[in-house]
């Protein structure tokens, strides 16, 4: 007896600063989905939300391949909840928390996870330069409260550059995060699952020397960054990193999957952020780690759909 196909709503595009990346990911996800198992309906939330609502009754599950605001922040998740459409990944709460760098930082600290010292800078009450220097020194990292893919991020090495970096971050959000700069090995740790969490092999991120850090260009320019899986660290450090990734996933109320970035400096760890919708091209970091664990790209999508329907 032939198994009935699931109808999958594939959402990509949207209105965020990461729209182009989302569209590229959506194309690759569409190509990788098993057409013998799924009927695929495609929607761009920038224009197609009324159509999605109209079609809701015949959709079994949604794949959200969106990044940034109105995609990764709980907005589209709440819309799908209101339509009764299950979806992969975190719900409204986990999505909104992980998108907010300041709240994420506070929850990491509450969970006992190691993070770099920080200050929250509100545009309505700017911090004094002396306060930043006394608490954090230099260099520091400025991050808008909500953006992804290093958008709006600046590494500040000179006191004279603090105001410019603050204004850049405040161009995206009323508040920004100022962190003490942590130098070391950058790794990312993927987690797959709802309740039973599988920590995937770690990936070491090595941007080309022309990049000061893993910025937007280094992330998305082919050949700009060397990604090494498994990361070249000791088994003991690798186990700690995987444990931290699982703890971060739980602390932020994530579901389905997540990818947590961190810095290792000697034997010290600094949790940077957790992504609830990691990049989903076949060569993106999360699929690379899954492949190293023996889970191919199409299989990974099957697993995410399955986890989404378990909610």
Foldseek 3Di string as FASTA:
>chain_A
DQDDAAEEEEEAQEDDPCRVLRVVLSVQLVVLADPSRYRYHYDYVVPCLVVCLVCLVRHAAYEQSYDFPCGQQQNVLVVCVVSVHFYFKFHNQLSNQQQFQVNLVVLCVVLVHAAFDKDKAFQVDGDDLVVCCVRANDFKWKAAGGGPQCQLIDTDGDSVCVVVSVVSSVVPPRMIMIGRDDDAWKKKWKWFAFPDIDIFAIKTKAFDPVDPDCHNCSQPPPPRIDIDTNDPDDPVLRVVVSVSLVSSCVSSRMGGMKMWMWGQDPNDIHTRGIGRNFRRRCPGDVNVRVVVVVQHSNNSVVRSRVRRSVD
